[in-house]
Protein backbone atom coordinates (compact mmCIF):
# COMPACT_ATOMS: atom_id res chain seq x y z
CA LYS A 1 -138.24 -100.63 107.84
CA LEU A 2 -139.90 -101.30 104.51
CA GLN A 3 -136.55 -102.35 103.04
CA PHE A 4 -136.14 -104.88 105.85
CA GLY A 5 -139.68 -106.10 105.17
CA TYR A 6 -138.86 -106.50 101.48
CA ALA A 7 -135.69 -108.45 102.32
CA LEU A 8 -137.58 -110.69 104.76
CA ILE A 9 -140.27 -111.53 102.21
CA VAL A 10 -137.84 -112.25 99.37
CA GLY A 11 -135.43 -114.20 101.57
CA SER A 12 -138.16 -116.26 103.22
CA ILE A 13 -139.88 -117.24 99.97
CA PHE A 14 -136.64 -118.24 98.32
CA GLY A 15 -135.40 -120.04 101.41
CA MET A 16 -138.52 -122.24 101.67
CA GLN A 17 -137.64 -124.20 98.52
CA LEU A 18 -141.28 -125.20 98.01
CA HIS A 19 -143.15 -126.15 94.87
CA TRP A 20 -146.74 -126.59 93.75
CA GLY A 21 -146.86 -128.73 90.67
CA SER A 22 -144.60 -127.04 88.15
CA LEU A 23 -144.32 -123.83 90.20
CA TYR A 24 -141.16 -123.53 92.34
CA THR A 25 -140.05 -120.84 94.78
CA THR A 26 -137.23 -119.62 92.57
CA PRO A 27 -135.25 -116.40 93.05
CA GLU A 28 -137.30 -114.92 90.20
CA LEU A 29 -140.61 -115.69 91.90
CA ALA A 30 -139.33 -114.35 95.24
CA LEU A 31 -138.33 -111.09 93.57
CA VAL A 32 -141.67 -110.76 91.76
CA ILE A 33 -143.59 -111.16 95.03
CA GLY A 34 -141.20 -108.79 96.79
CA ASN A 35 -141.69 -106.18 94.07
CA ILE A 36 -145.47 -106.49 94.37
CA PHE A 37 -145.08 -105.79 98.10
CA SER A 38 -142.85 -102.81 97.30
CA TYR A 39 -145.40 -101.39 94.87
CA ILE A 40 -148.24 -101.72 97.38
CA VAL A 41 -146.46 -100.03 100.30
CA SER A 42 -144.49 -97.36 98.42
CA PRO A 43 -145.90 -93.82 98.36
CA ARG A 44 -146.92 -92.96 94.80
CA ALA A 45 -147.65 -89.26 95.06
CA ARG A 46 -146.32 -87.47 91.99
CA LEU A 47 -145.72 -83.74 92.13
CA VAL A 48 -145.11 -81.40 89.23
CA LEU A 49 -142.75 -78.72 90.52
CA THR A 50 -142.30 -75.35 88.82
CA LEU A 51 -139.04 -73.50 89.42
CA MET A 52 -139.68 -70.08 90.93
CA HIS A 53 -136.05 -69.07 91.41
CA LYS A 54 -132.64 -70.43 92.33
CA ASP A 55 -130.34 -68.87 94.91
CA LYS A 56 -126.57 -69.21 95.11
CA LEU A 57 -125.75 -69.81 98.78
CA THR A 58 -121.99 -70.46 98.54
CA SER A 59 -119.48 -70.82 95.72
CA ASP A 60 -120.91 -74.23 94.77
CA VAL A 61 -124.20 -74.69 96.67
CA TYR A 62 -127.56 -73.59 95.28
CA ASP A 63 -131.13 -73.59 96.53
CA PHE A 64 -133.80 -74.39 93.94
CA VAL A 65 -137.17 -73.05 95.09
CA PHE A 66 -140.20 -74.75 93.53
CA LYS A 67 -143.92 -74.19 93.56
CA SER A 68 -145.72 -77.53 93.84
CA SER A 69 -148.80 -78.66 91.92
CA ASP A 70 -150.16 -80.18 95.17
CA LYS A 71 -149.53 -79.84 98.88
CA LEU A 72 -146.83 -82.22 100.08
CA ASN A 73 -147.21 -83.63 103.59
CA PHE A 74 -143.82 -84.69 104.89
CA LYS A 75 -141.64 -84.73 107.99
CA PRO A 76 -138.45 -82.66 108.29
CA GLY A 77 -135.55 -84.85 107.17
CA GLN A 78 -137.38 -86.89 104.52
CA TYR A 79 -136.39 -87.07 100.86
CA LEU A 80 -137.93 -87.31 97.39
CA GLU A 81 -136.99 -88.89 94.09
CA TRP A 82 -136.45 -86.05 91.61
CA THR A 83 -136.75 -86.54 87.85
CA LEU A 84 -135.57 -84.24 85.07
CA GLY A 85 -136.56 -84.66 81.45
CA HIS A 86 -133.31 -84.43 79.47
CA LYS A 87 -130.90 -86.50 77.43
CA ALA A 88 -129.15 -88.23 80.30
CA ASP A 89 -125.70 -89.78 80.58
CA SER A 90 -125.09 -93.21 82.10
CA ARG A 91 -126.05 -91.86 85.54
CA GLY A 92 -129.66 -91.40 84.44
CA ASN A 93 -132.29 -88.72 84.88
CA ARG A 94 -133.35 -89.42 88.49
CA ARG A 95 -131.80 -88.53 91.84
CA TYR A 96 -132.72 -88.73 95.51
CA PHE A 97 -132.43 -85.41 97.35
CA THR A 98 -133.48 -84.49 100.87
CA ILE A 99 -136.13 -81.77 101.09
CA ALA A 100 -134.35 -78.69 102.44
CA SER A 101 -137.56 -76.78 103.17
CA SER A 102 -139.78 -77.22 106.21
CA PRO A 103 -143.38 -78.53 106.04
CA THR A 104 -144.32 -75.10 107.39
CA GLU A 105 -143.07 -73.35 104.24
CA GLU A 106 -145.20 -72.77 101.19
CA ASN A 107 -142.59 -73.79 98.61
CA ILE A 108 -140.37 -76.85 98.25
CA ILE A 109 -136.64 -76.24 98.38
CA LEU A 110 -133.96 -78.50 96.95
CA GLY A 111 -130.47 -77.62 98.14
CA THR A 112 -127.57 -79.21 96.31
CA LYS A 113 -123.86 -78.88 95.66
CA PHE A 114 -122.24 -78.74 92.23
CA TYR A 115 -118.91 -80.45 91.69
CA PRO A 116 -116.46 -80.14 88.79
CA ASN A 117 -117.39 -82.28 85.75
CA PRO A 118 -121.02 -82.73 86.85
CA SER A 119 -123.43 -85.26 85.41
CA THR A 120 -125.88 -84.22 82.70
CA PHE A 121 -128.54 -84.18 85.45
CA LYS A 122 -126.63 -81.55 87.42
CA GLN A 123 -125.79 -79.61 84.26
CA LYS A 124 -129.49 -79.50 83.36
CA MET A 125 -130.37 -78.40 86.90
CA LEU A 126 -127.84 -75.60 86.92
CA ASN A 127 -129.20 -74.30 83.62
CA MET A 128 -132.86 -74.37 84.67
CA VAL A 129 -134.74 -71.10 84.32
CA GLU A 130 -137.84 -69.77 86.02
CA GLY A 131 -140.96 -71.66 84.93
CA GLU A 132 -139.24 -74.94 84.04
CA LYS A 133 -140.68 -78.16 85.47
CA MET A 134 -139.30 -80.97 87.58
CA ILE A 135 -141.05 -84.11 88.80
CA ALA A 136 -140.85 -85.29 92.43
CA SER A 137 -142.19 -88.56 93.80
CA GLN A 138 -141.48 -91.47 96.17
CA LEU A 139 -141.49 -89.53 99.45
CA SER A 140 -139.56 -91.57 101.99
CA GLY A 141 -136.97 -91.52 104.77
CA GLU A 142 -136.70 -92.19 108.51
CA PHE A 143 -134.07 -89.54 109.23
CA VAL A 144 -136.62 -87.62 111.27
CA MET A 145 -136.70 -86.25 114.80
CA PRO A 146 -138.16 -88.43 117.58
CA GLU A 147 -141.73 -87.86 118.72
CA ASP A 148 -140.43 -87.32 122.26
CA LYS A 149 -139.44 -83.65 122.31
CA ASN A 150 -137.54 -84.16 125.57
CA LYS A 151 -135.06 -86.53 123.96
CA LYS A 152 -131.61 -84.93 123.83
CA LEU A 153 -130.11 -84.87 120.33
CA VAL A 154 -126.78 -84.43 118.55
CA PHE A 155 -126.75 -83.42 114.88
CA ILE A 156 -123.54 -83.88 112.86
CA ALA A 157 -123.50 -82.44 109.33
CA GLY A 158 -120.76 -82.52 106.72
CA GLY A 159 -120.98 -80.26 103.66
CA ILE A 160 -124.25 -80.52 101.75
CA GLY A 161 -125.38 -83.15 104.25
CA VAL A 162 -126.74 -80.14 106.15
CA THR A 163 -130.00 -79.96 104.17
CA PRO A 164 -132.14 -82.19 106.46
CA PHE A 165 -131.05 -80.10 109.44
CA ARG A 166 -132.09 -76.91 107.65
CA SER A 167 -135.58 -78.43 107.34
CA MET A 168 -135.63 -79.36 111.02
CA ALA A 169 -134.35 -75.99 112.25
CA LYS A 170 -136.84 -74.04 110.18
CA TYR A 171 -139.68 -76.29 111.34
CA MET A 172 -138.80 -75.79 115.00
CA LEU A 173 -138.53 -72.02 114.55
CA ASP A 174 -141.89 -71.78 112.81
CA LYS A 175 -143.59 -74.03 115.36
CA GLY A 176 -141.84 -72.55 118.40
CA GLU A 177 -140.74 -76.06 119.31
CA ASN A 178 -137.84 -76.30 121.77
CA ARG A 179 -135.45 -79.24 121.91
CA ASP A 180 -132.01 -79.83 123.45
CA ILE A 181 -129.78 -80.06 120.36
CA ASN A 182 -126.00 -79.95 119.92
CA PHE A 183 -125.31 -79.19 116.25
CA PHE A 184 -121.89 -79.80 114.67
CA TYR A 185 -121.51 -78.45 111.13
CA SER A 186 -118.26 -79.12 109.29
CA CYS A 187 -117.18 -77.55 105.98
CA LYS A 188 -113.93 -76.72 104.21
CA THR A 189 -114.21 -73.05 105.21
CA MET A 190 -116.74 -70.83 106.97
CA GLY A 191 -117.64 -69.40 103.56
CA ASP A 192 -118.83 -72.85 102.48
CA MET A 193 -121.46 -73.09 105.21
CA ALA A 194 -125.01 -72.88 103.90
CA TYR A 195 -128.06 -71.85 105.96
CA LYS A 196 -125.92 -70.50 108.80
CA ASN A 197 -128.39 -67.66 109.40
CA ILE A 198 -131.15 -70.18 110.14
CA PHE A 199 -128.98 -72.22 112.50
CA ASP A 200 -127.90 -69.08 114.34
CA GLU A 201 -131.56 -68.13 114.76
CA ALA A 202 -132.37 -71.66 115.97
CA LYS A 203 -130.40 -70.99 119.16
CA ARG A 204 -133.60 -69.52 120.58
CA VAL A 205 -135.31 -72.94 120.27
CA GLY A 206 -132.53 -74.93 121.94
CA TRP A 207 -129.77 -75.36 119.34
CA LYS A 208 -126.15 -75.14 120.46
CA ASN A 209 -124.11 -74.60 117.30
CA ILE A 210 -120.50 -75.64 116.85
CA TYR A 211 -119.13 -74.77 113.41
CA VAL A 212 -115.96 -76.52 112.29
CA ALA A 213 -113.92 -75.12 109.40
CA ASN A 214 -111.32 -77.51 107.99
CA GLN A 215 -109.30 -74.52 106.79
CA HIS A 216 -108.94 -71.06 108.33
CA ASP A 217 -110.18 -68.47 105.80
CA GLY A 218 -110.07 -65.48 108.13
CA ASP A 219 -113.82 -65.51 108.68
CA LEU A 220 -114.15 -67.47 111.91
CA ASP A 221 -116.71 -66.51 114.55
CA THR A 222 -116.93 -67.29 118.25
CA ASN A 223 -118.76 -70.59 117.67
CA CYS A 224 -116.21 -71.91 115.18
CA ARG A 225 -113.36 -74.38 115.57
CA THR A 226 -110.60 -75.05 113.07
CA GLY A 227 -109.88 -78.60 111.94
CA PHE A 228 -112.32 -81.50 111.93
CA VAL A 229 -115.07 -82.89 114.15
CA THR A 230 -113.38 -85.54 116.28
CA THR A 231 -114.43 -87.98 118.97
CA GLU A 232 -112.49 -85.90 121.48
CA MET A 233 -114.41 -82.79 120.45
CA LEU A 234 -117.73 -84.57 120.89
CA ILE A 235 -116.80 -85.77 124.38
CA LYS A 236 -115.57 -82.31 125.40
CA GLU A 237 -118.60 -80.44 124.10
CA ILE A 238 -121.23 -82.99 125.18
CA PRO A 239 -120.54 -84.46 128.64
CA ASP A 240 -123.88 -86.30 128.56
CA TYR A 241 -123.32 -87.77 125.07
CA LYS A 242 -124.35 -91.28 126.16
CA GLU A 243 -127.85 -90.00 126.92
CA ARG A 244 -128.36 -88.56 123.44
CA MET A 245 -129.55 -89.70 120.05
CA PHE A 246 -127.12 -88.97 117.20
CA TYR A 247 -128.05 -87.90 113.66
CA ILE A 248 -125.22 -88.01 111.09
CA SER A 249 -125.55 -86.65 107.55
CA GLY A 250 -122.84 -86.25 104.94
CA THR A 251 -120.72 -88.30 102.57
CA HIS A 252 -120.75 -92.07 102.91
CA GLY A 253 -117.19 -92.11 104.23
CA MET A 254 -117.93 -89.47 106.86
CA VAL A 255 -121.12 -91.16 108.02
CA THR A 256 -119.44 -94.57 108.27
CA MET A 257 -116.50 -93.15 110.23
CA PHE A 258 -118.71 -91.39 112.79
CA GLU A 259 -121.02 -94.39 113.11
CA ASP A 260 -118.03 -96.63 113.92
CA ASN A 261 -116.55 -94.12 116.37
CA LEU A 262 -119.85 -93.68 118.21
CA LYS A 263 -120.20 -97.43 118.59
CA LYS A 264 -116.71 -97.52 120.09
CA LEU A 265 -117.89 -94.90 122.60
CA GLY A 266 -120.66 -97.25 123.66
CA ILE A 267 -123.53 -95.56 121.83
CA PRO A 268 -126.14 -98.25 120.96
CA ARG A 269 -127.10 -98.65 117.31
CA ASN A 270 -130.68 -97.62 118.06
CA GLN A 271 -129.39 -94.20 119.19
CA ILE A 272 -127.73 -93.50 115.82
CA LYS A 273 -129.53 -92.36 112.67
CA VAL A 274 -127.60 -91.88 109.44
CA ASP A 275 -128.26 -90.22 106.11
CA PHE A 276 -125.51 -90.14 103.49
CA PHE A 277 -125.18 -88.20 100.25
CA PRO A 278 -123.62 -90.06 97.30
CA GLY A 279 -121.48 -87.12 96.22
CA PHE A 280 -120.47 -86.62 92.61
CA VAL A 281 -123.89 -86.93 90.92
C-alpha cells in the first residue's frame, strides 16, 4: 500500500507540469518529494542481532537463531532487511528475508537456503559463529493472515518460500488459534522439506497438509503426493476453493504461474496474496 502511495505521489507531481517562478515539477523534484514521503512512513527500527546458534534443517537449508537487542513487534509473514558487515560483491551487503520465527518466540529466526556459488553475503552468513552480529531493520510486508479467523485459507509454498508459513503455524500453535487452512508444500524430495514437524503439529489447529515431492526418494508419507502442485490437484483437494483466500510463496516463476492459474479459475485478485523469494542471492 505504501508503494502505491509513493507511486501516486511521484506520478501526480510529475504529471501536473506546474512551475512556480524558476521551480518546475521535474522528475527529480517528484522523486525527492516521494523519497521524503518514504522516509516519513517507513519503519526505522534498527535491531542488533547476536547469533546464538545455527541449525542445519536439510542438505542446503539452515536456521539462524538470533538474540535481539530489543523486542520486535511484528506479524507472522512479515520480513526484515538484513545487513552484514563484510567485503561484499556486486550484490551488496543487504538482503530481505522473511522472519521464520513467530512473534510468540523469544528469539528471531532467519531460515534460508544456500545454493552453489553463493554470493559473498551468503558465504559470510554460512561462516558466522556464535556471538557474531547482524543488523535487521525496515520491518515490512502485507503477507499476513486476515483478521477474520473464520476466513478459509489456502497456503502454497515452494522450497524456502515456506518460511512465512512456519511463522504462522508456530503462532497459531502457541496461541491456540484455529483456522481452516489447506497447506500445499512442494519440494524436490521429502528430505528437502523444512519445518515439517511444526506443520504436522499444526493439524490440531486446523491445518490440512498436502506435501508434494517432485521426485520420489523412498521417504513418502501418507500426506505426500509425487510430482508437482497443479490446478487439478487444487480443485480435487479443495472443492470450495472459490470461497478461500490464497497465499503463494516461492520463486518468482512459481508465484507468477500460480497467480495466473488462479485467475483463470475465477479467483479475484483481492483473494490472492503473493510473496516471492529472489533465489540465488
